[in-house]
């Protein structure tokens, strides 16, 4: 009886190992602090002129916590909570927030994931303009990049 149990246990252990090795879906840790290292939006009054507004996020930090909780620490010391989620085979990332302040309102929405690693998150607006196109962005930016501190 013990001989028939050993192969089953071995198969279970190997299966568990393979499942863990196959995970290439890094999730930020709740203690990780991320900052915006690139923020590109459109210049006011234009529909194709890009503007690097990264400095507007000076003093902000972001925590992408488990359970899809997003905690934003603002320069004035206040916290703003929201939700984040990766979906569509990890090619999309959504950020949601009730009554976001004006600046954070520009990152609320669903983004295309250009890069998602343990130290860098690069997001691109799926409706980014191309030469000759006219796109109404509303308030959402063109590109945002986060780097883990």
N, C-alpha and C. Protein backbone atom coordinates (compact mmCIF):
# COMPACT_ATOMS: atom_id res chain seq x y z
N UNK A 1 0.81 -1.19 0.00
CA UNK A 1 0.00 0.00 0.00
C UNK A 1 0.86 1.26 0.00
N UNK A 2 1.99 1.24 0.73
CA UNK A 2 2.85 2.40 0.78
C UNK A 2 3.49 2.67 -0.58
N UNK A 3 3.77 1.61 -1.34
CA UNK A 3 4.37 1.79 -2.66
C UNK A 3 3.42 2.52 -3.61
N UNK A 4 2.14 2.27 -3.52
CA UNK A 4 1.20 2.95 -4.41
C UNK A 4 0.98 4.41 -4.00
N UNK A 5 1.22 4.75 -2.76
CA UNK A 5 1.07 6.12 -2.28
C UNK A 5 2.25 7.00 -2.69
N UNK A 6 3.45 6.42 -2.74
CA UNK A 6 4.65 7.18 -3.09
C UNK A 6 4.56 7.80 -4.48
N UNK A 7 4.20 7.07 -5.54
CA UNK A 7 4.08 7.70 -6.86
C UNK A 7 3.04 8.83 -6.88
N UNK A 8 1.95 8.65 -6.18
CA UNK A 8 0.91 9.69 -6.15
C UNK A 8 1.44 10.95 -5.47
N UNK A 9 2.17 10.80 -4.38
CA UNK A 9 2.74 11.95 -3.68
C UNK A 9 3.80 12.64 -4.54
N UNK A 10 4.60 11.84 -5.21
CA UNK A 10 5.63 12.39 -6.09
C UNK A 10 4.99 13.17 -7.24
N UNK A 11 3.95 12.62 -7.84
CA UNK A 11 3.24 13.31 -8.91
C UNK A 11 2.64 14.62 -8.41
N UNK A 12 2.06 14.61 -7.23
CA UNK A 12 1.49 15.82 -6.64
C UNK A 12 2.57 16.88 -6.42
N UNK A 13 3.72 16.50 -5.89
CA UNK A 13 4.81 17.45 -5.62
C UNK A 13 5.33 18.05 -6.92
N UNK A 14 5.51 17.22 -7.96
CA UNK A 14 5.99 17.71 -9.25
C UNK A 14 4.95 18.66 -9.86
N UNK A 15 3.68 18.33 -9.77
CA UNK A 15 2.62 19.19 -10.30
C UNK A 15 2.62 20.55 -9.62
N UNK A 16 2.76 20.54 -8.31
CA UNK A 16 2.81 21.79 -7.56
C UNK A 16 4.00 22.63 -7.98
N UNK A 17 5.15 21.99 -8.16
CA UNK A 17 6.36 22.70 -8.59
C UNK A 17 6.17 23.32 -9.96
N UNK A 18 5.60 22.57 -10.91
CA UNK A 18 5.41 23.08 -12.26
C UNK A 18 4.42 24.24 -12.29
N UNK A 19 3.38 24.17 -11.50
CA UNK A 19 2.41 25.26 -11.44
C UNK A 19 3.08 26.53 -10.94
N UNK A 20 3.90 26.42 -9.92
CA UNK A 20 4.60 27.59 -9.37
C UNK A 20 5.63 28.12 -10.35
N UNK A 21 6.33 27.26 -11.05
CA UNK A 21 7.34 27.71 -12.01
C UNK A 21 6.70 28.40 -13.20
N UNK A 22 5.49 28.00 -13.56
CA UNK A 22 4.83 28.58 -14.71
C UNK A 22 4.26 29.96 -14.45
N UNK A 23 4.29 30.44 -13.23
CA UNK A 23 3.74 31.76 -12.94
C UNK A 23 4.72 32.83 -13.33
N UNK A 24 4.42 33.55 -14.40
CA UNK A 24 5.24 34.67 -14.80
C UNK A 24 4.42 35.95 -14.72
N UNK A 25 3.51 35.97 -13.80
CA UNK A 25 2.56 37.05 -13.63
C UNK A 25 2.89 37.79 -12.35
N UNK A 26 3.98 38.61 -12.34
CA UNK A 26 4.37 39.25 -11.10
C UNK A 26 3.31 40.22 -10.61
N UNK A 27 3.06 40.20 -9.34
CA UNK A 27 2.13 41.12 -8.73
C UNK A 27 2.90 42.02 -7.78
N UNK A 28 2.62 43.31 -7.80
CA UNK A 28 3.29 44.18 -6.85
C UNK A 28 2.97 43.76 -5.42
N UNK A 29 3.93 43.89 -4.55
CA UNK A 29 3.73 43.59 -3.14
C UNK A 29 3.11 44.80 -2.47
N UNK A 30 2.32 44.56 -1.41
CA UNK A 30 1.62 45.67 -0.77
C UNK A 30 2.59 46.67 -0.15
N UNK A 31 3.82 46.26 0.13
CA UNK A 31 4.77 47.18 0.72
C UNK A 31 5.55 47.96 -0.35
N UNK A 32 5.35 47.62 -1.62
CA UNK A 32 6.07 48.29 -2.70
C UNK A 32 5.51 49.68 -2.92
N UNK A 33 6.41 50.63 -3.12
CA UNK A 33 6.03 52.00 -3.42
C UNK A 33 6.49 52.30 -4.84
N UNK A 34 5.59 52.82 -5.64
CA UNK A 34 5.85 53.13 -7.04
C UNK A 34 5.70 54.64 -7.24
N UNK A 35 6.50 55.20 -8.14
CA UNK A 35 6.38 56.61 -8.49
C UNK A 35 6.23 56.73 -10.01
N UNK A 36 5.66 57.84 -10.43
CA UNK A 36 5.50 58.10 -11.86
C UNK A 36 6.82 58.64 -12.39
N UNK A 37 7.39 57.95 -13.37
CA UNK A 37 8.64 58.40 -13.98
C UNK A 37 8.44 58.90 -15.41
N UNK A 38 7.20 58.79 -15.90
CA UNK A 38 6.87 59.34 -17.21
C UNK A 38 5.36 59.54 -17.25
N UNK A 39 4.95 60.74 -17.63
CA UNK A 39 3.53 61.04 -17.78
C UNK A 39 3.40 61.97 -18.98
N UNK A 40 2.76 61.48 -20.02
CA UNK A 40 2.61 62.24 -21.25
C UNK A 40 1.12 62.44 -21.50
N UNK A 41 0.75 63.70 -21.72
CA UNK A 41 -0.62 64.00 -22.09
C UNK A 41 -0.59 64.93 -23.29
N UNK A 42 -1.76 65.36 -23.70
CA UNK A 42 -1.84 66.29 -24.83
C UNK A 42 -1.81 67.72 -24.31
N UNK A 43 -1.13 68.58 -25.05
CA UNK A 43 -1.13 70.00 -24.68
C UNK A 43 -2.56 70.51 -24.76
N UNK A 44 -2.95 71.35 -23.80
CA UNK A 44 -4.32 71.89 -23.83
C UNK A 44 -4.62 72.58 -25.16
N UNK A 45 -5.81 72.31 -25.67
CA UNK A 45 -6.23 72.95 -26.91
C UNK A 45 -5.70 72.31 -28.17
N UNK A 46 -4.97 71.19 -28.06
CA UNK A 46 -4.46 70.50 -29.24
C UNK A 46 -4.97 69.08 -29.25
N UNK A 47 -4.89 68.45 -30.40
CA UNK A 47 -5.32 67.05 -30.46
C UNK A 47 -4.19 66.12 -30.86
N UNK A 48 -2.97 66.66 -31.10
CA UNK A 48 -1.86 65.78 -31.46
C UNK A 48 -0.52 66.23 -30.89
N UNK A 49 -0.49 67.29 -30.11
CA UNK A 49 0.78 67.77 -29.58
C UNK A 49 0.99 67.20 -28.19
N UNK A 50 2.02 66.38 -28.05
CA UNK A 50 2.27 65.72 -26.78
C UNK A 50 3.03 66.62 -25.82
N UNK A 51 2.77 66.41 -24.56
CA UNK A 51 3.33 67.23 -23.50
C UNK A 51 3.83 66.32 -22.39
N UNK A 52 5.12 66.39 -22.05
CA UNK A 52 5.66 65.61 -20.95
C UNK A 52 5.36 66.35 -19.65
N UNK A 53 4.40 65.85 -18.90
CA UNK A 53 3.96 66.47 -17.65
C UNK A 53 4.34 65.63 -16.43
N UNK A 54 5.44 64.91 -16.52
CA UNK A 54 5.86 64.03 -15.43
C UNK A 54 6.00 64.79 -14.12
N UNK A 55 6.50 66.03 -14.17
CA UNK A 55 6.74 66.80 -12.95
C UNK A 55 5.46 67.05 -12.16
N UNK A 56 4.30 66.95 -12.79
CA UNK A 56 3.04 67.15 -12.06
C UNK A 56 2.82 66.07 -11.00
N UNK A 57 3.49 64.92 -11.14
CA UNK A 57 3.34 63.83 -10.18
C UNK A 57 4.43 63.84 -9.10
N UNK A 58 5.22 64.89 -9.03
CA UNK A 58 6.24 64.99 -7.97
C UNK A 58 5.54 64.93 -6.61
N UNK A 59 6.05 64.10 -5.74
CA UNK A 59 5.47 63.97 -4.41
C UNK A 59 4.36 62.94 -4.29
N UNK A 60 3.94 62.35 -5.39
CA UNK A 60 2.92 61.29 -5.36
C UNK A 60 3.60 59.94 -5.29
N UNK A 61 3.00 59.02 -4.57
CA UNK A 61 3.46 57.63 -4.59
C UNK A 61 2.23 56.73 -4.68
N UNK A 62 2.44 55.57 -5.27
CA UNK A 62 1.35 54.63 -5.55
C UNK A 62 1.69 53.28 -4.96
N UNK A 63 0.72 52.65 -4.34
CA UNK A 63 0.87 51.29 -3.82
C UNK A 63 -0.20 50.42 -4.49
N UNK A 64 0.24 49.51 -5.35
CA UNK A 64 -0.65 48.56 -6.00
C UNK A 64 -0.73 47.35 -5.08
N UNK A 65 -1.73 47.33 -4.22
CA UNK A 65 -1.81 46.31 -3.19
C UNK A 65 -2.62 45.10 -3.65
N UNK A 66 -2.47 44.01 -2.89
CA UNK A 66 -3.23 42.81 -3.20
C UNK A 66 -4.72 43.11 -3.01
N UNK A 67 -5.53 42.29 -3.61
CA UNK A 67 -6.97 42.52 -3.56
C UNK A 67 -7.39 43.67 -4.46
N UNK A 68 -6.52 44.05 -5.39
CA UNK A 68 -6.79 45.11 -6.37
C UNK A 68 -6.97 46.49 -5.75
N UNK A 69 -6.43 46.70 -4.56
CA UNK A 69 -6.51 47.99 -3.89
C UNK A 69 -5.36 48.88 -4.33
N UNK A 70 -5.67 50.10 -4.71
CA UNK A 70 -4.67 51.09 -5.07
C UNK A 70 -4.71 52.20 -4.02
N UNK A 71 -3.56 52.49 -3.43
CA UNK A 71 -3.46 53.57 -2.45
C UNK A 71 -2.50 54.61 -3.03
N UNK A 72 -2.99 55.85 -3.14
CA UNK A 72 -2.19 56.95 -3.66
C UNK A 72 -1.90 57.91 -2.52
N UNK A 73 -0.61 58.14 -2.28
CA UNK A 73 -0.19 59.13 -1.29
C UNK A 73 0.09 60.43 -2.05
N UNK A 74 -0.65 61.46 -1.68
CA UNK A 74 -0.54 62.75 -2.35
C UNK A 74 0.46 63.64 -1.63
N UNK A 75 1.00 64.64 -2.32
CA UNK A 75 2.02 65.50 -1.72
C UNK A 75 1.58 66.20 -0.44
N UNK A 76 0.28 66.45 -0.28
CA UNK A 76 -0.21 67.12 0.92
C UNK A 76 -0.39 66.16 2.10
N UNK A 77 0.01 64.89 1.89
CA UNK A 77 -0.08 63.90 2.96
C UNK A 77 -1.37 63.10 2.99
N UNK A 78 -2.34 63.49 2.19
CA UNK A 78 -3.60 62.76 2.20
C UNK A 78 -3.50 61.51 1.33
N UNK A 79 -4.40 60.57 1.60
CA UNK A 79 -4.46 59.32 0.85
C UNK A 79 -5.71 59.30 0.00
N UNK A 80 -5.60 58.70 -1.16
CA UNK A 80 -6.76 58.48 -2.01
C UNK A 80 -6.74 57.01 -2.41
N UNK A 81 -7.84 56.32 -2.19
CA UNK A 81 -7.91 54.91 -2.52
C UNK A 81 -8.68 54.69 -3.81
N UNK A 82 -8.30 53.66 -4.50
CA UNK A 82 -8.98 53.27 -5.72
C UNK A 82 -8.81 51.77 -5.94
N UNK A 83 -9.06 51.35 -7.12
CA UNK A 83 -8.93 49.95 -7.50
C UNK A 83 -8.06 49.85 -8.74
N UNK A 84 -7.35 48.74 -8.86
CA UNK A 84 -6.59 48.45 -10.06
C UNK A 84 -6.78 46.98 -10.39
N UNK A 85 -6.66 46.65 -11.67
CA UNK A 85 -6.83 45.25 -12.05
C UNK A 85 -6.21 45.02 -13.42
N UNK A 86 -5.48 43.92 -13.53
CA UNK A 86 -4.97 43.47 -14.83
C UNK A 86 -5.96 42.47 -15.39
N UNK A 87 -6.22 42.56 -16.69
CA UNK A 87 -7.17 41.64 -17.31
C UNK A 87 -6.87 41.51 -18.79
N UNK A 88 -7.73 40.80 -19.49
CA UNK A 88 -7.58 40.50 -20.91
C UNK A 88 -6.19 39.91 -21.18
N UNK A 89 -5.92 38.77 -20.54
CA UNK A 89 -4.63 38.09 -20.68
C UNK A 89 -3.46 38.99 -20.32
N UNK A 90 -3.67 39.83 -19.32
CA UNK A 90 -2.64 40.76 -18.80
C UNK A 90 -2.19 41.80 -19.82
N UNK A 91 -2.99 42.04 -20.86
CA UNK A 91 -2.64 43.07 -21.84
C UNK A 91 -3.30 44.40 -21.52
N UNK A 92 -4.18 44.40 -20.53
CA UNK A 92 -4.89 45.62 -20.11
C UNK A 92 -4.75 45.78 -18.60
N UNK A 93 -4.74 47.04 -18.17
CA UNK A 93 -4.74 47.36 -16.75
C UNK A 93 -5.73 48.49 -16.55
N UNK A 94 -6.66 48.29 -15.61
CA UNK A 94 -7.66 49.31 -15.33
C UNK A 94 -7.39 49.94 -13.99
N UNK A 95 -7.58 51.25 -13.93
CA UNK A 95 -7.47 52.01 -12.70
C UNK A 95 -8.79 52.73 -12.50
N UNK A 96 -9.38 52.55 -11.32
CA UNK A 96 -10.65 53.18 -11.02
C UNK A 96 -10.58 53.91 -9.68
N UNK A 97 -11.38 54.95 -9.56
CA UNK A 97 -11.36 55.76 -8.34
C UNK A 97 -12.65 56.58 -8.29
N UNK A 98 -13.29 56.60 -7.14
CA UNK A 98 -14.47 57.45 -6.99
C UNK A 98 -14.03 58.88 -6.71
N UNK A 99 -14.60 59.81 -7.41
CA UNK A 99 -14.32 61.24 -7.24
C UNK A 99 -12.83 61.54 -7.16
N UNK A 100 -12.06 61.16 -8.18
CA UNK A 100 -10.61 61.41 -8.13
C UNK A 100 -10.30 62.90 -8.26
N UNK A 101 -9.24 63.35 -7.59
CA UNK A 101 -8.79 64.72 -7.82
C UNK A 101 -8.41 64.87 -9.29
N UNK A 102 -8.35 66.10 -9.77
CA UNK A 102 -8.14 66.38 -11.20
C UNK A 102 -6.95 65.62 -11.79
N UNK A 103 -5.81 65.64 -11.14
CA UNK A 103 -4.64 64.98 -11.70
C UNK A 103 -4.82 63.46 -11.77
N UNK A 104 -5.35 62.88 -10.72
CA UNK A 104 -5.55 61.42 -10.72
C UNK A 104 -6.64 61.01 -11.70
N UNK A 105 -7.54 61.92 -12.01
CA UNK A 105 -8.58 61.63 -12.99
C UNK A 105 -7.98 61.31 -14.35
N UNK A 106 -6.78 61.81 -14.61
CA UNK A 106 -6.14 61.58 -15.90
C UNK A 106 -5.56 60.18 -16.04
N UNK A 107 -5.45 59.44 -14.95
CA UNK A 107 -4.95 58.06 -15.05
C UNK A 107 -6.06 57.03 -14.87
N UNK A 108 -7.26 57.48 -14.53
CA UNK A 108 -8.40 56.58 -14.38
C UNK A 108 -8.83 56.11 -15.75
N UNK A 109 -8.99 54.81 -15.89
CA UNK A 109 -9.43 54.23 -17.16
C UNK A 109 -8.74 52.92 -17.42
N UNK A 110 -8.92 52.40 -18.61
CA UNK A 110 -8.30 51.14 -19.01
C UNK A 110 -7.17 51.44 -19.98
N UNK A 111 -6.02 50.86 -19.67
CA UNK A 111 -4.78 51.11 -20.40
C UNK A 111 -4.28 49.84 -21.07
N UNK A 112 -3.56 49.98 -22.17
CA UNK A 112 -2.82 48.87 -22.76
C UNK A 112 -1.52 48.72 -21.98
N UNK A 113 -1.16 47.50 -21.64
CA UNK A 113 0.08 47.25 -20.91
C UNK A 113 1.20 47.05 -21.92
N UNK A 114 2.16 47.96 -21.91
CA UNK A 114 3.33 47.85 -22.77
C UNK A 114 4.41 47.02 -22.08
N UNK A 115 4.55 47.21 -20.77
CA UNK A 115 5.52 46.46 -19.97
C UNK A 115 4.99 46.34 -18.55
N UNK A 116 5.12 45.15 -17.99
CA UNK A 116 4.73 44.94 -16.59
C UNK A 116 5.75 43.99 -15.99
N UNK A 117 6.61 44.53 -15.13
CA UNK A 117 7.64 43.70 -14.50
C UNK A 117 7.65 44.01 -13.01
N UNK A 118 8.57 43.39 -12.30
CA UNK A 118 8.67 43.60 -10.86
C UNK A 118 9.14 45.01 -10.52
N UNK A 119 9.71 45.74 -11.48
CA UNK A 119 10.24 47.08 -11.20
C UNK A 119 9.69 48.18 -12.10
N UNK A 120 8.93 47.82 -13.12
CA UNK A 120 8.46 48.82 -14.08
C UNK A 120 7.08 48.47 -14.62
N UNK A 121 6.23 49.49 -14.71
CA UNK A 121 4.92 49.34 -15.33
C UNK A 121 4.79 50.46 -16.35
N UNK A 122 4.59 50.09 -17.62
CA UNK A 122 4.44 51.08 -18.68
C UNK A 122 3.08 50.88 -19.33
N UNK A 123 2.28 51.94 -19.29
CA UNK A 123 0.92 51.88 -19.80
C UNK A 123 0.73 52.90 -20.92
N UNK A 124 -0.04 52.51 -21.93
CA UNK A 124 -0.30 53.37 -23.08
C UNK A 124 -1.81 53.45 -23.28
N UNK A 125 -2.30 54.63 -23.56
CA UNK A 125 -3.71 54.82 -23.84
C UNK A 125 -4.06 54.04 -25.10
N UNK A 126 -5.07 53.17 -25.05
CA UNK A 126 -5.41 52.38 -26.24
C UNK A 126 -5.96 53.24 -27.37
N UNK A 127 -6.33 54.48 -27.07
CA UNK A 127 -6.86 55.38 -28.10
C UNK A 127 -5.86 56.45 -28.48
N UNK A 128 -4.56 56.17 -28.26
CA UNK A 128 -3.54 57.17 -28.55
C UNK A 128 -3.62 57.62 -30.01
N UNK A 129 -3.46 58.91 -30.23
CA UNK A 129 -3.56 59.40 -31.60
C UNK A 129 -2.38 58.98 -32.46
N UNK A 130 -2.64 58.88 -33.72
CA UNK A 130 -1.59 58.62 -34.70
C UNK A 130 -1.57 59.82 -35.65
N UNK A 131 -0.51 60.00 -36.40
CA UNK A 131 -0.46 61.15 -37.31
C UNK A 131 -1.69 61.20 -38.21
N UNK A 132 -2.32 62.37 -38.24
CA UNK A 132 -3.49 62.56 -39.08
C UNK A 132 -4.80 62.22 -38.41
N UNK A 133 -4.76 61.63 -37.20
CA UNK A 133 -6.00 61.25 -36.53
C UNK A 133 -6.46 62.37 -35.61
N UNK A 134 -7.72 62.37 -35.32
CA UNK A 134 -8.29 63.31 -34.36
C UNK A 134 -8.94 62.46 -33.28
N UNK A 135 -8.46 62.59 -32.06
CA UNK A 135 -8.94 61.76 -30.96
C UNK A 135 -9.38 62.65 -29.82
N UNK A 136 -10.55 62.37 -29.28
CA UNK A 136 -11.01 63.10 -28.10
C UNK A 136 -10.63 62.27 -26.88
N UNK A 137 -9.58 62.69 -26.18
CA UNK A 137 -9.12 61.96 -25.02
C UNK A 137 -9.95 62.22 -23.79
N UNK A 138 -10.71 63.27 -23.77
CA UNK A 138 -11.37 63.64 -22.53
C UNK A 138 -10.28 64.06 -21.57
N UNK A 139 -10.16 63.35 -20.48
CA UNK A 139 -9.17 63.72 -19.48
C UNK A 139 -8.02 62.72 -19.38
N UNK A 140 -8.11 61.57 -20.04
CA UNK A 140 -7.09 60.55 -19.88
C UNK A 140 -5.83 60.89 -20.65
N UNK A 141 -4.69 60.59 -20.03
CA UNK A 141 -3.39 60.88 -20.63
C UNK A 141 -3.06 59.89 -21.74
N UNK A 142 -1.91 60.11 -22.39
CA UNK A 142 -1.46 59.27 -23.49
C UNK A 142 -0.61 58.11 -22.98
N UNK A 143 0.29 58.38 -22.03
CA UNK A 143 1.23 57.37 -21.52
C UNK A 143 1.53 57.67 -20.06
N UNK A 144 1.69 56.60 -19.29
CA UNK A 144 2.14 56.74 -17.91
C UNK A 144 3.06 55.56 -17.60
N UNK A 145 4.15 55.86 -16.92
CA UNK A 145 5.11 54.84 -16.51
C UNK A 145 5.37 54.96 -15.02
N UNK A 146 5.35 53.82 -14.36
CA UNK A 146 5.63 53.74 -12.93
C UNK A 146 6.94 52.96 -12.73
N UNK A 147 7.73 53.38 -11.77
CA UNK A 147 8.94 52.65 -11.40
C UNK A 147 8.89 52.38 -9.91
N UNK A 148 9.26 51.15 -9.54
CA UNK A 148 9.28 50.76 -8.13
C UNK A 148 10.46 51.43 -7.43
N UNK A 149 10.19 51.96 -6.27
CA UNK A 149 11.25 52.61 -5.48
C UNK A 149 11.87 51.63 -4.50
